N, C-alpha and C. Protein backbone atom coordinates (compact mmCIF):
# COMPACT_ATOMS: atom_id res chain seq x y z
N MET A 1 5.27 14.38 -12.18
CA MET A 1 4.61 13.34 -12.94
C MET A 1 3.26 13.87 -13.43
N SER A 2 2.95 13.59 -14.66
CA SER A 2 1.69 14.03 -15.23
C SER A 2 0.84 12.83 -15.59
N LEU A 3 -0.41 13.08 -15.95
CA LEU A 3 -1.29 11.99 -16.34
C LEU A 3 -0.79 11.28 -17.58
N ALA A 4 -0.04 11.99 -18.43
CA ALA A 4 0.50 11.39 -19.64
C ALA A 4 1.53 10.31 -19.32
N ASP A 5 2.08 10.34 -18.11
CA ASP A 5 3.07 9.35 -17.69
C ASP A 5 2.43 8.01 -17.35
N GLY A 6 1.12 7.94 -17.32
CA GLY A 6 0.43 6.70 -16.99
C GLY A 6 -0.02 6.70 -15.54
N PRO A 7 -0.57 5.57 -15.10
CA PRO A 7 -1.10 5.52 -13.74
C PRO A 7 0.00 5.52 -12.70
N SER A 8 -0.36 5.92 -11.51
CA SER A 8 0.55 5.76 -10.37
C SER A 8 -0.32 5.54 -9.13
N ALA A 9 0.24 4.83 -8.18
CA ALA A 9 -0.49 4.51 -6.96
C ALA A 9 0.30 5.00 -5.76
N THR A 10 -0.41 5.55 -4.80
CA THR A 10 0.19 6.01 -3.57
C THR A 10 -0.39 5.21 -2.41
N MET A 11 0.47 4.84 -1.46
CA MET A 11 -0.04 4.10 -0.31
C MET A 11 0.75 4.48 0.94
N SER A 12 0.08 4.32 2.08
CA SER A 12 0.72 4.52 3.37
C SER A 12 1.34 3.21 3.82
N VAL A 13 2.56 3.31 4.34
CA VAL A 13 3.30 2.13 4.75
C VAL A 13 3.83 2.34 6.17
N ARG A 14 3.81 1.29 6.96
CA ARG A 14 4.44 1.27 8.28
C ARG A 14 5.52 0.20 8.20
N VAL A 15 6.78 0.63 8.34
CA VAL A 15 7.91 -0.27 8.20
C VAL A 15 8.30 -0.84 9.57
N VAL A 16 8.59 -2.14 9.59
CA VAL A 16 9.11 -2.79 10.78
C VAL A 16 10.53 -3.26 10.42
N PRO A 17 11.54 -2.44 10.78
CA PRO A 17 12.92 -2.80 10.42
C PRO A 17 13.46 -3.91 11.33
N ARG A 18 14.59 -4.49 10.91
CA ARG A 18 15.27 -5.55 11.65
C ARG A 18 14.38 -6.75 11.94
N SER A 19 13.50 -7.07 11.02
CA SER A 19 12.63 -8.23 11.19
C SER A 19 13.36 -9.49 10.73
N SER A 20 13.00 -10.61 11.33
CA SER A 20 13.63 -11.86 10.94
C SER A 20 13.15 -12.31 9.56
N LYS A 21 11.89 -11.98 9.23
CA LYS A 21 11.33 -12.32 7.92
C LYS A 21 10.93 -11.05 7.21
N GLU A 22 11.18 -11.01 5.91
CA GLU A 22 10.81 -9.85 5.10
C GLU A 22 9.49 -10.13 4.38
N GLY A 23 8.59 -9.14 4.36
CA GLY A 23 7.35 -9.32 3.64
C GLY A 23 6.23 -8.45 4.17
N VAL A 24 5.08 -8.57 3.53
CA VAL A 24 3.89 -7.83 3.94
C VAL A 24 3.33 -8.49 5.19
N ALA A 25 3.11 -7.69 6.23
CA ALA A 25 2.64 -8.22 7.51
C ALA A 25 1.17 -7.93 7.74
N GLY A 26 0.52 -7.20 6.82
CA GLY A 26 -0.90 -6.95 6.97
C GLY A 26 -1.31 -5.58 6.49
N PHE A 27 -2.59 -5.31 6.68
CA PHE A 27 -3.19 -4.06 6.27
C PHE A 27 -4.21 -3.67 7.33
N GLU A 28 -4.02 -2.52 7.94
CA GLU A 28 -4.95 -2.08 8.98
C GLU A 28 -5.03 -0.56 8.99
N GLY A 29 -6.24 -0.06 9.04
CA GLY A 29 -6.44 1.38 9.11
C GLY A 29 -5.90 2.13 7.90
N GLY A 30 -5.91 1.48 6.74
CA GLY A 30 -5.43 2.14 5.54
C GLY A 30 -3.92 2.13 5.38
N VAL A 31 -3.22 1.39 6.24
CA VAL A 31 -1.76 1.36 6.22
C VAL A 31 -1.28 -0.07 5.97
N VAL A 32 -0.35 -0.22 5.03
CA VAL A 32 0.26 -1.51 4.75
C VAL A 32 1.48 -1.66 5.66
N LYS A 33 1.52 -2.75 6.41
CA LYS A 33 2.65 -3.01 7.31
C LYS A 33 3.62 -3.94 6.59
N ILE A 34 4.89 -3.49 6.49
CA ILE A 34 5.91 -4.27 5.78
C ILE A 34 7.10 -4.51 6.69
N ARG A 35 7.49 -5.78 6.80
CA ARG A 35 8.66 -6.16 7.59
C ARG A 35 9.88 -6.19 6.69
N LEU A 36 10.99 -5.62 7.18
CA LEU A 36 12.23 -5.58 6.42
C LEU A 36 13.38 -6.07 7.30
N ASN A 37 14.37 -6.74 6.70
CA ASN A 37 15.54 -7.19 7.43
C ASN A 37 16.48 -6.03 7.77
N ALA A 38 16.49 -5.00 6.97
CA ALA A 38 17.46 -3.91 7.10
C ALA A 38 17.24 -3.10 8.38
N PRO A 39 18.33 -2.58 8.96
CA PRO A 39 18.21 -1.72 10.13
C PRO A 39 17.79 -0.31 9.73
N PRO A 40 17.20 0.44 10.66
CA PRO A 40 16.75 1.79 10.33
C PRO A 40 17.86 2.84 10.47
N VAL A 41 19.00 2.59 9.87
CA VAL A 41 20.12 3.53 9.95
C VAL A 41 20.62 3.86 8.56
N GLU A 42 21.02 5.11 8.38
CA GLU A 42 21.62 5.60 7.14
C GLU A 42 20.81 5.27 5.89
N GLY A 43 19.49 5.26 6.01
CA GLY A 43 18.63 5.04 4.86
C GLY A 43 18.55 3.59 4.38
N LYS A 44 19.13 2.66 5.14
CA LYS A 44 19.14 1.26 4.70
C LYS A 44 17.73 0.67 4.64
N ALA A 45 16.89 1.01 5.62
CA ALA A 45 15.51 0.49 5.60
C ALA A 45 14.73 1.10 4.43
N ASN A 46 14.96 2.37 4.11
CA ASN A 46 14.29 3.01 2.98
C ASN A 46 14.70 2.33 1.67
N ASP A 47 16.00 2.07 1.51
CA ASP A 47 16.48 1.38 0.31
C ASP A 47 15.89 -0.02 0.21
N ALA A 48 15.82 -0.70 1.35
CA ALA A 48 15.25 -2.05 1.36
C ALA A 48 13.76 -2.02 1.01
N LEU A 49 13.05 -0.99 1.48
CA LEU A 49 11.63 -0.85 1.16
C LEU A 49 11.43 -0.65 -0.34
N VAL A 50 12.21 0.24 -0.93
CA VAL A 50 12.10 0.50 -2.37
C VAL A 50 12.40 -0.77 -3.16
N ARG A 51 13.46 -1.46 -2.77
CA ARG A 51 13.84 -2.70 -3.44
C ARG A 51 12.75 -3.76 -3.29
N PHE A 52 12.20 -3.91 -2.08
CA PHE A 52 11.15 -4.90 -1.83
C PHE A 52 9.91 -4.62 -2.67
N LEU A 53 9.45 -3.35 -2.66
CA LEU A 53 8.24 -3.00 -3.41
C LEU A 53 8.44 -3.16 -4.91
N ALA A 54 9.59 -2.74 -5.42
CA ALA A 54 9.86 -2.85 -6.86
C ALA A 54 9.83 -4.31 -7.29
N LYS A 55 10.44 -5.17 -6.50
CA LYS A 55 10.46 -6.60 -6.84
C LYS A 55 9.06 -7.20 -6.74
N ALA A 56 8.32 -6.87 -5.67
CA ALA A 56 6.98 -7.42 -5.46
C ALA A 56 6.02 -7.01 -6.57
N VAL A 57 6.13 -5.76 -7.01
CA VAL A 57 5.19 -5.23 -8.01
C VAL A 57 5.68 -5.51 -9.43
N GLY A 58 6.97 -5.73 -9.59
CA GLY A 58 7.50 -6.02 -10.92
C GLY A 58 7.79 -4.77 -11.73
N VAL A 59 8.26 -3.73 -11.05
CA VAL A 59 8.63 -2.49 -11.73
C VAL A 59 10.08 -2.15 -11.39
N PRO A 60 10.73 -1.31 -12.20
CA PRO A 60 12.09 -0.89 -11.85
C PRO A 60 12.09 -0.06 -10.57
N ARG A 61 13.19 -0.10 -9.83
CA ARG A 61 13.29 0.68 -8.58
C ARG A 61 13.08 2.16 -8.81
N SER A 62 13.41 2.64 -9.99
CA SER A 62 13.25 4.07 -10.28
C SER A 62 11.78 4.51 -10.27
N ARG A 63 10.86 3.55 -10.37
CA ARG A 63 9.43 3.88 -10.36
C ARG A 63 8.84 3.92 -8.95
N VAL A 64 9.63 3.54 -7.96
CA VAL A 64 9.17 3.56 -6.56
C VAL A 64 9.83 4.73 -5.87
N THR A 65 9.02 5.67 -5.38
CA THR A 65 9.57 6.85 -4.71
C THR A 65 8.96 7.01 -3.33
N LEU A 66 9.78 7.48 -2.43
CA LEU A 66 9.36 7.78 -1.07
C LEU A 66 8.87 9.23 -1.06
N VAL A 67 7.57 9.43 -0.83
CA VAL A 67 7.00 10.77 -0.84
C VAL A 67 7.27 11.46 0.48
N THR A 68 6.99 10.77 1.58
CA THR A 68 7.27 11.30 2.91
C THR A 68 7.75 10.16 3.81
N GLY A 69 8.39 10.52 4.92
CA GLY A 69 8.76 9.55 5.93
C GLY A 69 10.17 9.02 5.84
N GLU A 70 11.10 9.81 5.33
CA GLU A 70 12.47 9.34 5.20
C GLU A 70 13.10 8.95 6.52
N LYS A 71 12.70 9.61 7.61
CA LYS A 71 13.35 9.35 8.90
C LYS A 71 12.46 8.64 9.90
N GLY A 72 11.24 8.28 9.50
CA GLY A 72 10.35 7.60 10.43
C GLY A 72 9.91 6.25 9.90
N ARG A 73 9.14 5.54 10.70
CA ARG A 73 8.65 4.23 10.27
C ARG A 73 7.39 4.36 9.42
N SER A 74 6.65 5.45 9.59
CA SER A 74 5.46 5.69 8.78
C SER A 74 5.87 6.45 7.53
N LYS A 75 5.46 5.93 6.38
CA LYS A 75 5.89 6.51 5.11
C LYS A 75 4.73 6.56 4.13
N ILE A 76 4.86 7.41 3.13
CA ILE A 76 3.96 7.41 1.99
C ILE A 76 4.83 7.12 0.77
N VAL A 77 4.42 6.10 0.02
CA VAL A 77 5.20 5.64 -1.12
C VAL A 77 4.36 5.74 -2.38
N ARG A 78 4.98 6.16 -3.48
CA ARG A 78 4.30 6.21 -4.78
C ARG A 78 4.99 5.23 -5.72
N VAL A 79 4.16 4.46 -6.43
CA VAL A 79 4.67 3.52 -7.42
C VAL A 79 4.08 3.92 -8.77
N ALA A 80 4.94 4.30 -9.69
CA ALA A 80 4.50 4.72 -11.02
C ALA A 80 4.31 3.50 -11.92
N GLY A 81 3.32 3.60 -12.79
CA GLY A 81 3.10 2.55 -13.78
C GLY A 81 2.08 1.50 -13.38
N VAL A 82 1.49 1.64 -12.18
CA VAL A 82 0.47 0.69 -11.73
C VAL A 82 -0.66 1.45 -11.06
N THR A 83 -1.83 0.84 -11.06
CA THR A 83 -2.97 1.40 -10.34
C THR A 83 -2.91 0.93 -8.89
N ARG A 84 -3.72 1.53 -8.04
CA ARG A 84 -3.75 1.11 -6.63
C ARG A 84 -4.20 -0.34 -6.51
N GLU A 85 -5.18 -0.74 -7.31
CA GLU A 85 -5.66 -2.12 -7.27
C GLU A 85 -4.55 -3.09 -7.66
N GLU A 86 -3.78 -2.76 -8.70
CA GLU A 86 -2.68 -3.62 -9.13
C GLU A 86 -1.60 -3.70 -8.05
N LEU A 87 -1.32 -2.56 -7.42
CA LEU A 87 -0.32 -2.51 -6.36
C LEU A 87 -0.72 -3.40 -5.19
N MET A 88 -1.95 -3.26 -4.73
CA MET A 88 -2.41 -4.05 -3.59
C MET A 88 -2.47 -5.53 -3.93
N ALA A 89 -2.89 -5.86 -5.15
CA ALA A 89 -2.93 -7.26 -5.57
C ALA A 89 -1.52 -7.86 -5.61
N ALA A 90 -0.55 -7.08 -6.08
CA ALA A 90 0.82 -7.56 -6.14
C ALA A 90 1.38 -7.83 -4.74
N LEU A 91 0.87 -7.11 -3.75
CA LEU A 91 1.31 -7.31 -2.37
C LEU A 91 0.49 -8.37 -1.65
N GLY A 92 -0.46 -8.96 -2.38
CA GLY A 92 -1.28 -10.01 -1.79
C GLY A 92 -2.39 -9.49 -0.91
N LEU A 93 -2.79 -8.24 -1.14
CA LEU A 93 -3.84 -7.62 -0.33
C LEU A 93 -5.07 -7.36 -1.17
N TYR A 94 -6.22 -7.61 -0.59
CA TYR A 94 -7.48 -7.27 -1.23
C TYR A 94 -8.09 -6.12 -0.45
N ILE A 95 -8.29 -5.00 -1.11
CA ILE A 95 -8.85 -3.83 -0.47
C ILE A 95 -10.23 -3.58 -1.04
N PRO A 96 -11.29 -3.73 -0.23
CA PRO A 96 -12.63 -3.49 -0.76
C PRO A 96 -12.82 -2.03 -1.13
N LEU A 97 -13.62 -1.81 -2.16
CA LEU A 97 -13.88 -0.44 -2.60
C LEU A 97 -14.79 0.30 -1.64
N THR A 98 -15.62 -0.44 -0.89
CA THR A 98 -16.53 0.17 0.07
C THR A 98 -15.94 0.03 1.46
N PRO A 99 -15.87 1.11 2.23
CA PRO A 99 -15.31 1.03 3.57
C PRO A 99 -16.16 0.12 4.46
N PRO A 100 -15.54 -0.46 5.50
CA PRO A 100 -16.31 -1.31 6.41
C PRO A 100 -17.51 -0.58 6.97
N GLY A 101 -18.66 -1.24 6.96
CA GLY A 101 -19.88 -0.62 7.46
C GLY A 101 -20.58 0.24 6.42
N GLY A 102 -19.91 0.43 5.27
CA GLY A 102 -20.50 1.25 4.21
C GLY A 102 -21.55 0.46 3.45
N SER A 103 -22.36 1.16 2.70
CA SER A 103 -23.43 0.50 1.95
C SER A 103 -23.05 0.39 0.49
N THR A 104 -23.32 -0.76 -0.09
CA THR A 104 -23.09 -0.95 -1.52
C THR A 104 -24.41 -0.90 -2.27
N GLY A 105 -25.49 -0.57 -1.56
CA GLY A 105 -26.79 -0.48 -2.21
C GLY A 105 -27.62 -1.72 -2.02
N GLY A 106 -27.01 -2.80 -1.56
CA GLY A 106 -27.74 -4.04 -1.34
C GLY A 106 -28.25 -4.09 0.09
N GLY A 107 -28.71 -5.23 0.48
CA GLY A 107 -29.13 -5.40 1.85
C GLY A 107 -30.63 -5.48 1.96
N PRO A 108 -31.12 -5.73 3.15
CA PRO A 108 -32.56 -5.91 3.34
C PRO A 108 -33.33 -4.62 3.15
N ARG A 109 -34.55 -4.77 2.67
CA ARG A 109 -35.44 -3.63 2.50
C ARG A 109 -36.42 -3.57 3.66
N SER A 110 -36.87 -2.40 3.96
CA SER A 110 -37.86 -2.24 5.00
C SER A 110 -39.19 -2.83 4.50
N PRO A 111 -39.85 -3.67 5.32
CA PRO A 111 -41.09 -4.29 4.85
C PRO A 111 -42.20 -3.28 4.61
N ARG A 112 -42.21 -2.13 5.29
CA ARG A 112 -43.31 -1.17 5.14
C ARG A 112 -43.13 -0.29 3.92
N THR A 113 -41.97 0.29 3.77
CA THR A 113 -41.78 1.29 2.72
C THR A 113 -41.11 0.74 1.47
N GLY A 114 -40.43 -0.39 1.62
CA GLY A 114 -39.70 -0.92 0.48
C GLY A 114 -38.35 -0.23 0.32
N SER A 115 -38.06 0.74 1.21
CA SER A 115 -36.78 1.41 1.12
C SER A 115 -35.75 0.65 1.95
N ARG A 116 -34.52 1.06 1.81
CA ARG A 116 -33.43 0.37 2.52
C ARG A 116 -33.12 1.05 3.81
């Protein structure tokens, strides 16, 4: 894939197969947790993940690729045609641009020096 192909987003996913409910279960430590009904056998959970993400984001399944993690629960997935912000928004997740505890330049100033 080249830049001429448009944007693409990559994300880390932790799959929970054989779940009673399918959907996004949260976001922690940079990893999106997704529950799937499919069992983790013969690639069924991987197929279910691709189908789930394609439907949630509104792209064809051919635009969702598994980069790593074919045989494990931890995976890296790439979705072509969307930015990371669009991908996270489609999954109902808000990811701040500044890491927790990071500075955005605001905040109280020191009374003596005027610096932060």
